[in-house]
Protein backbone atom coordinates (compact mmCIF):
# COMPACT_ATOMS: atom_id res chain seq x y z
CA UNK A 1 22.82 -8.47 -5.04
CA UNK A 2 20.71 -11.34 -3.70
CA UNK A 3 18.44 -12.90 -6.28
CA UNK A 4 15.94 -15.71 -5.87
CA UNK A 5 13.84 -17.29 -8.60
CA UNK A 6 10.65 -19.04 -7.56
CA UNK A 7 8.79 -21.50 -9.79
CA UNK A 8 6.52 -23.46 -7.45
CA UNK A 9 2.85 -22.43 -7.57
CA UNK A 10 3.53 -19.39 -9.75
CA UNK A 11 2.75 -19.09 -13.45
CA UNK A 12 4.49 -17.50 -15.19
CA UNK A 13 7.73 -17.84 -13.25
CA UNK A 14 7.91 -15.35 -10.40
CA UNK A 15 11.07 -13.45 -9.59
CA UNK A 16 12.27 -11.88 -6.36
CA UNK A 17 15.27 -9.56 -6.32
CA UNK A 18 16.82 -8.13 -3.14
CA UNK A 19 19.59 -5.55 -3.43
CA UNK A 20 21.88 -4.58 -0.55
CA UNK A 21 23.02 -1.00 -1.02
CA UNK A 22 21.94 2.51 -1.89
CA UNK A 23 18.66 2.69 -3.80
CA UNK A 24 19.91 5.44 -6.12
CA UNK A 25 22.78 3.22 -7.27
CA UNK A 26 20.38 0.38 -8.04
CA UNK A 27 17.80 2.60 -9.76
CA UNK A 28 20.53 3.79 -12.13
CA UNK A 29 21.03 0.18 -13.25
CA UNK A 30 17.38 -0.39 -14.20
CA UNK A 31 15.94 0.13 -17.70
CA UNK A 32 13.43 2.83 -18.64
CA UNK A 33 9.67 2.19 -18.40
CA UNK A 34 10.13 -1.10 -16.55
CA UNK A 35 8.25 -1.01 -13.23
CA UNK A 36 4.44 -1.06 -12.90
CA UNK A 37 4.17 -0.02 -9.25
CA UNK A 38 6.65 1.70 -6.97
CA UNK A 39 5.44 1.57 -3.39
CA UNK A 40 7.46 2.54 -0.36
CA UNK A 41 7.72 4.41 2.89
CA UNK A 42 10.88 6.53 2.67
CA UNK A 43 12.93 7.60 5.71
CA UNK A 44 11.21 10.44 7.59
CA UNK A 45 14.42 12.27 8.52
CA UNK A 46 13.76 11.68 12.22
CA UNK A 47 17.12 10.16 13.12
CA UNK A 48 16.36 6.44 13.21
CA UNK A 49 19.44 4.25 13.25
CA UNK A 50 19.20 3.68 9.49
CA UNK A 51 19.21 7.40 8.62
CA UNK A 52 21.02 10.62 9.48
CA UNK A 53 18.79 13.56 10.32
CA UNK A 54 19.59 16.63 8.21
CA UNK A 55 17.94 19.96 7.50
CA UNK A 56 14.52 19.48 5.95
CA UNK A 57 15.56 21.27 2.75
CA UNK A 58 18.55 18.96 2.26
CA UNK A 59 16.43 15.90 3.01
CA UNK A 60 13.84 16.89 0.38
CA UNK A 61 16.55 17.67 -2.18
CA UNK A 62 18.03 14.19 -1.78
CA UNK A 63 14.59 12.61 -2.05
CA UNK A 64 13.83 14.57 -5.21
CA UNK A 65 16.88 13.01 -6.86
CA UNK A 66 15.58 9.55 -5.97
CA UNK A 67 12.08 10.33 -7.27
CA UNK A 68 13.52 11.64 -10.54
CA UNK A 69 15.18 8.26 -11.07
CA UNK A 70 11.98 6.45 -10.17
CA UNK A 71 10.10 8.41 -12.81
CA UNK A 72 12.48 7.12 -15.47
CA UNK A 73 12.02 3.44 -14.60
CA UNK A 74 8.23 3.66 -14.10
CA UNK A 75 5.99 2.53 -16.94
CA UNK A 76 3.81 5.19 -18.53
CA UNK A 77 0.72 3.43 -17.15
CA UNK A 78 2.40 2.87 -13.78
CA UNK A 79 1.82 4.30 -10.32
CA UNK A 80 3.82 5.46 -7.32
CA UNK A 81 2.44 5.07 -3.79
CA UNK A 82 4.44 7.18 -1.34
CA UNK A 83 3.53 6.49 2.30
CA UNK A 84 4.69 9.14 4.77
CA UNK A 85 3.95 10.59 8.18
CA UNK A 86 5.24 13.77 9.78
CA UNK A 87 8.73 15.06 10.47
CA UNK A 88 8.79 16.65 13.92
CA UNK A 89 11.58 18.99 14.97
CA UNK A 90 11.59 20.60 18.44
CA UNK A 91 7.85 20.11 18.72
CA UNK A 92 7.06 21.63 15.32
CA UNK A 93 5.29 19.35 12.83
CA UNK A 94 6.33 19.28 9.17
CA UNK A 95 3.66 17.36 7.16
CA UNK A 96 5.80 15.44 4.71
CA UNK A 97 2.99 14.67 2.30
CA UNK A 98 2.57 18.38 1.58
CA UNK A 99 6.28 18.80 0.87
CA UNK A 100 6.37 15.67 -1.27
CA UNK A 101 3.34 16.74 -3.28
CA UNK A 102 5.27 19.76 -4.55
CA UNK A 103 8.16 17.53 -5.66
CA UNK A 104 6.00 15.02 -7.50
CA UNK A 105 3.94 17.78 -9.14
CA UNK A 106 7.08 19.57 -10.32
CA UNK A 107 8.27 16.33 -11.91
CA UNK A 108 5.02 15.92 -13.85
CA UNK A 109 3.19 13.33 -11.74
CA UNK A 110 -0.57 13.52 -11.18
CA UNK A 111 -2.08 12.90 -7.75
CA UNK A 112 -5.03 10.48 -7.89
CA UNK A 113 -5.68 10.03 -4.17
CA UNK A 114 -4.37 11.22 -0.85
CA UNK A 115 -5.24 8.18 1.24
CA UNK A 116 -5.50 8.51 5.00
CA UNK A 117 -4.28 5.45 6.89
CA UNK A 118 -5.63 5.68 10.41
CA UNK A 119 -4.32 3.42 13.20
CA UNK A 120 -5.27 3.18 16.84
CA UNK A 121 -1.90 2.96 18.57
CA UNK A 122 1.33 4.93 18.57
CA UNK A 123 3.52 7.25 20.62
CA UNK A 124 1.67 9.54 23.02
CA UNK A 125 2.45 13.25 22.71
CA UNK A 126 2.42 15.55 25.74
CA UNK A 127 2.38 19.02 24.14
CA UNK A 128 0.18 18.30 21.12
CA UNK A 129 -2.47 15.77 20.12
CA UNK A 130 -1.12 12.27 19.58
CA UNK A 131 -0.61 11.38 15.93
CA UNK A 132 -2.76 8.48 14.76
CA UNK A 133 -2.60 8.61 10.97
CA UNK A 134 -0.24 8.69 8.03
CA UNK A 135 -0.89 9.29 4.36
CA UNK A 136 -0.35 7.45 1.11
CA UNK A 137 0.08 9.70 -1.90
CA UNK A 138 -0.94 7.81 -5.04
CA UNK A 139 0.56 9.38 -8.15
CA UNK A 140 0.40 8.28 -11.77
CA UNK A 141 2.84 9.03 -14.54
CA UNK A 142 0.09 9.64 -17.11
CA UNK A 143 -3.68 9.72 -17.55
CA UNK A 144 -3.63 6.19 -18.96
CA UNK A 145 -3.04 4.15 -15.81
CA UNK A 146 -3.99 0.77 -14.35
CA UNK A 147 -6.84 0.83 -11.83
CA UNK A 148 -8.57 -2.48 -11.04
CA UNK A 149 -11.43 -1.29 -8.85
CA UNK A 150 -13.18 -4.67 -8.73
CA UNK A 151 -10.13 -6.19 -7.01
CA UNK A 152 -10.53 -3.97 -3.95
CA UNK A 153 -14.25 -3.34 -3.62
CA UNK A 154 -15.70 -3.55 -0.11
CA UNK A 155 -19.11 -4.93 0.96
CA UNK A 156 -22.01 -2.54 0.62
CA UNK A 157 -23.97 -1.60 3.71
CA UNK A 158 -27.22 -1.58 1.74
CA UNK A 159 -26.88 -4.19 -1.04
CA UNK A 160 -30.66 -4.26 -1.51
CA UNK A 161 -30.93 -0.56 -2.38
CA UNK A 162 -32.81 0.08 -5.65
CA UNK A 163 -33.31 2.98 -8.04
CA UNK A 164 -36.48 4.80 -7.02
CA UNK A 165 -37.13 6.72 -10.25
CA UNK A 166 -36.18 6.96 -13.91
CA UNK A 167 -35.57 4.22 -16.46
CA UNK A 168 -33.88 1.98 -13.89
CA UNK A 169 -36.64 2.32 -11.26
CA UNK A 170 -36.86 -0.85 -9.18
CA UNK A 171 -33.47 -2.19 -10.33
CA UNK A 172 -30.59 -2.78 -7.95
CA UNK A 173 -28.52 0.41 -7.80
CA UNK A 174 -25.29 -1.03 -6.43
CA UNK A 175 -22.63 -3.40 -7.72
CA UNK A 176 -22.81 -7.10 -6.75
CA UNK A 177 -19.04 -7.06 -6.20
CA UNK A 178 -19.33 -4.31 -3.58
CA UNK A 179 -18.70 -0.58 -3.44
CA UNK A 180 -15.74 1.62 -4.14
CA UNK A 181 -13.74 2.04 -0.92
CA UNK A 182 -13.08 5.56 0.26
CA UNK A 183 -9.70 7.25 0.63
CA UNK A 184 -9.91 6.82 4.42
CA UNK A 185 -8.58 3.40 5.40
CA UNK A 186 -9.57 2.28 8.84
CA UNK A 187 -11.59 -0.56 10.36
CA UNK A 188 -11.79 -3.55 8.03
CA UNK A 189 -12.40 -6.41 10.45
CA UNK A 190 -14.78 -4.86 12.96
CA UNK A 191 -16.50 -1.80 11.51
CA UNK A 192 -17.81 -2.76 8.07
CA UNK A 193 -20.96 -0.75 8.80
CA UNK A 194 -18.86 2.42 8.90
CA UNK A 195 -17.55 1.54 5.43
CA UNK A 196 -13.94 2.34 6.25
CA UNK A 197 -10.79 0.24 6.33
CA UNK A 198 -8.75 -0.47 9.46
CA UNK A 199 -5.14 -1.51 9.01
CA UNK A 200 -3.39 -1.54 12.40
CA UNK A 201 0.21 -0.43 12.50
CA UNK A 202 2.85 -3.00 13.33
CA UNK A 203 3.48 -2.82 17.07
CA UNK A 204 4.64 -5.36 19.64
CA UNK A 205 1.61 -7.68 19.44
CA UNK A 206 1.14 -7.55 15.69
CA UNK A 207 1.75 -11.00 14.11
CA UNK A 208 4.14 -9.50 11.55
CA UNK A 209 6.37 -7.63 14.02
CA UNK A 210 10.17 -7.75 13.45
CA UNK A 211 13.10 -5.68 14.75
CA UNK A 212 12.46 -2.85 12.30
CA UNK A 213 11.28 0.26 14.23
CA UNK A 214 9.04 1.65 11.46
CA UNK A 215 7.61 -1.46 9.85
CA UNK A 216 4.32 -1.10 8.03
CA UNK A 217 1.80 -3.92 7.53
CA UNK A 218 1.59 -6.16 4.48
CA UNK A 219 -2.15 -5.50 4.35
CA UNK A 220 -1.54 -1.82 3.64
CA UNK A 221 0.36 -2.69 0.47
CA UNK A 222 -1.92 -5.46 -0.76
CA UNK A 223 -4.75 -3.11 -1.67
CA UNK A 224 -2.40 -0.99 -3.77
CA UNK A 225 -0.92 -4.04 -5.48
CA UNK A 226 -4.34 -5.46 -6.34
CA UNK A 227 -5.74 -2.17 -7.60
CA UNK A 228 -2.75 -0.78 -9.48
CA UNK A 229 -1.05 -3.80 -11.07
CA UNK A 230 -1.78 -6.99 -12.98
CA UNK A 231 -0.11 -10.39 -12.87
CA UNK A 232 2.89 -10.70 -13.27
CA UNK A 233 3.84 -6.99 -13.17
CA UNK A 234 6.95 -5.73 -11.41
CA UNK A 235 6.54 -4.07 -7.99
CA UNK A 236 9.52 -2.15 -6.63
CA UNK A 237 10.26 -0.84 -3.13
CA UNK A 238 13.36 1.40 -3.06
CA UNK A 239 13.35 1.40 0.77
CA UNK A 240 12.39 -2.22 1.31
CA UNK A 241 13.14 -2.53 5.03
CA UNK A 242 12.06 -6.01 6.14
CA UNK A 243 10.23 -6.75 2.91
CA UNK A 244 6.55 -6.10 3.64
CA UNK A 245 5.92 -4.58 0.19
CA UNK A 246 7.69 -7.47 -1.50
CA UNK A 247 5.67 -10.08 0.35
CA UNK A 248 2.44 -8.30 -0.57
CA UNK A 249 3.46 -8.45 -4.22
CA UNK A 250 4.57 -12.08 -4.10
CA UNK A 251 1.35 -13.05 -2.37
CA UNK A 252 -0.59 -11.85 -5.41
CA UNK A 253 1.68 -13.31 -8.10
CA UNK A 254 3.62 -10.15 -8.91
CA UNK A 255 7.35 -10.02 -9.52
CA UNK A 256 9.14 -7.92 -6.95
CA UNK A 257 12.41 -6.16 -6.26
CA UNK A 258 13.60 -4.13 -3.31
CA UNK A 259 16.62 -2.13 -2.13
CA UNK A 260 17.80 -1.88 1.45
CA UNK A 261 21.10 -0.47 2.70
CA UNK A 262 20.91 -2.10 6.15
CA UNK A 263 22.09 -5.70 5.90
CA UNK A 264 20.25 -6.65 9.11
CA UNK A 265 16.88 -5.67 7.63
CA UNK A 266 17.60 -7.25 4.25
CA UNK A 267 18.41 -10.54 5.95
CA UNK A 268 15.09 -10.36 7.82
CA UNK A 269 13.33 -9.66 4.52
CA UNK A 270 14.98 -12.66 2.93
CA UNK A 271 13.99 -14.88 5.87
CA UNK A 272 10.40 -13.61 5.77
CA UNK A 273 10.12 -14.26 2.03
CA UNK A 274 11.47 -17.78 2.50
CA UNK A 275 9.00 -18.32 5.34
CA UNK A 276 6.17 -17.14 3.12
CA UNK A 277 6.99 -19.68 0.43
CA UNK A 278 7.31 -22.37 3.07
CA UNK A 279 3.89 -21.44 4.44
CA UNK A 280 5.19 -20.41 7.87
CA UNK A 281 4.98 -16.61 7.76
CA UNK A 282 2.41 -15.05 10.07
CA UNK A 283 0.38 -12.46 8.18
CA UNK A 284 -2.64 -10.51 9.31
CA UNK A 285 -5.56 -11.41 6.98
CA UNK A 286 -6.66 -8.95 4.34
CA UNK A 287 -10.18 -8.71 5.82
CA UNK A 288 -13.33 -10.76 6.12
CA UNK A 289 -14.13 -13.14 3.25
CA UNK A 290 -17.72 -11.95 2.72
CA UNK A 291 -19.90 -9.50 4.64
CA UNK A 292 -23.33 -10.86 5.58
CA UNK A 293 -25.89 -8.19 6.55
CA UNK A 294 -27.85 -8.94 9.72
CA UNK A 295 -30.49 -6.21 9.62
CA UNK A 296 -34.14 -7.16 9.23
CA UNK A 297 -34.98 -4.42 6.75
CA UNK A 298 -35.06 -5.55 3.13
CA UNK A 299 -32.57 -2.89 2.10
CA UNK A 300 -29.89 -4.54 4.25
CA UNK A 301 -30.40 -7.98 2.68
CA UNK A 302 -28.42 -9.46 -0.21
CA UNK A 303 -30.76 -9.10 -3.24
CA UNK A 304 -32.03 -12.27 -4.93
CA UNK A 305 -30.47 -11.17 -8.23
CA UNK A 306 -27.00 -11.31 -6.68
CA UNK A 307 -27.62 -14.63 -4.95
CA UNK A 308 -28.40 -16.27 -8.28
CA UNK A 309 -25.26 -14.81 -9.87
CA UNK A 310 -23.08 -16.31 -7.16
CA UNK A 311 -24.39 -19.83 -7.71
């Protein structure tokens, strides 16, 4: 096991744990009710070099055993974010989120959101429409769970909108911190007016690209970390790959641990984490700092009440 303690710029002391080996073996070593957020993208059973493709039923059985262990180590107020795409066999599509939902439901988890992550680039299909989205299944262990909405609000298109009737007539109807984002994550840097989040997948020109063939972006994890945990909660990725989930947690003062059975990827993760602390890691920004409406209509302007609060 590789373990690194970090003290600089983190209060209380932050901890990073990387484990080389099978995730089930490591999960068995962890105490009950310990982790606040488990976030990962498990193998899709598509025959990448880090996995062996098996029958879908066997694949799901093995994954159920892992999820059962994750339930034990998850805090009662904790969450699991399970990011998956499709398993395709001889041209037939098996939507993994549907199969996984049955497993999580059987084990007592409650689905809070089925988040659609839409990206603009990927492999082009010839006998079906090209896939351009994956899903994040957000489950909680109980009804008493952490959800910090204010940490992930997005700018409102009409911040000047007011109540037009009732006791609050004439008062601002929105929230000065922004609106609740939808469960469809698409264009965050260019299409604020469509009120959806864009998180591009990690392809050849992405600043975070490594040798991992199925790397997902740090930005995708950050929103989950900010909304579903508090400082200095533990965030765990049982299929850590090159460490994107861990970096997202570290970036926001969470303590993190990850398992990875491929030594090559774990070494990349370690190097990326070191680069982050040294200030050299290239990361795509989490979005624009503040949205400034440009429309001339009053409803598109930042209301005076909010301007005074920000001073």
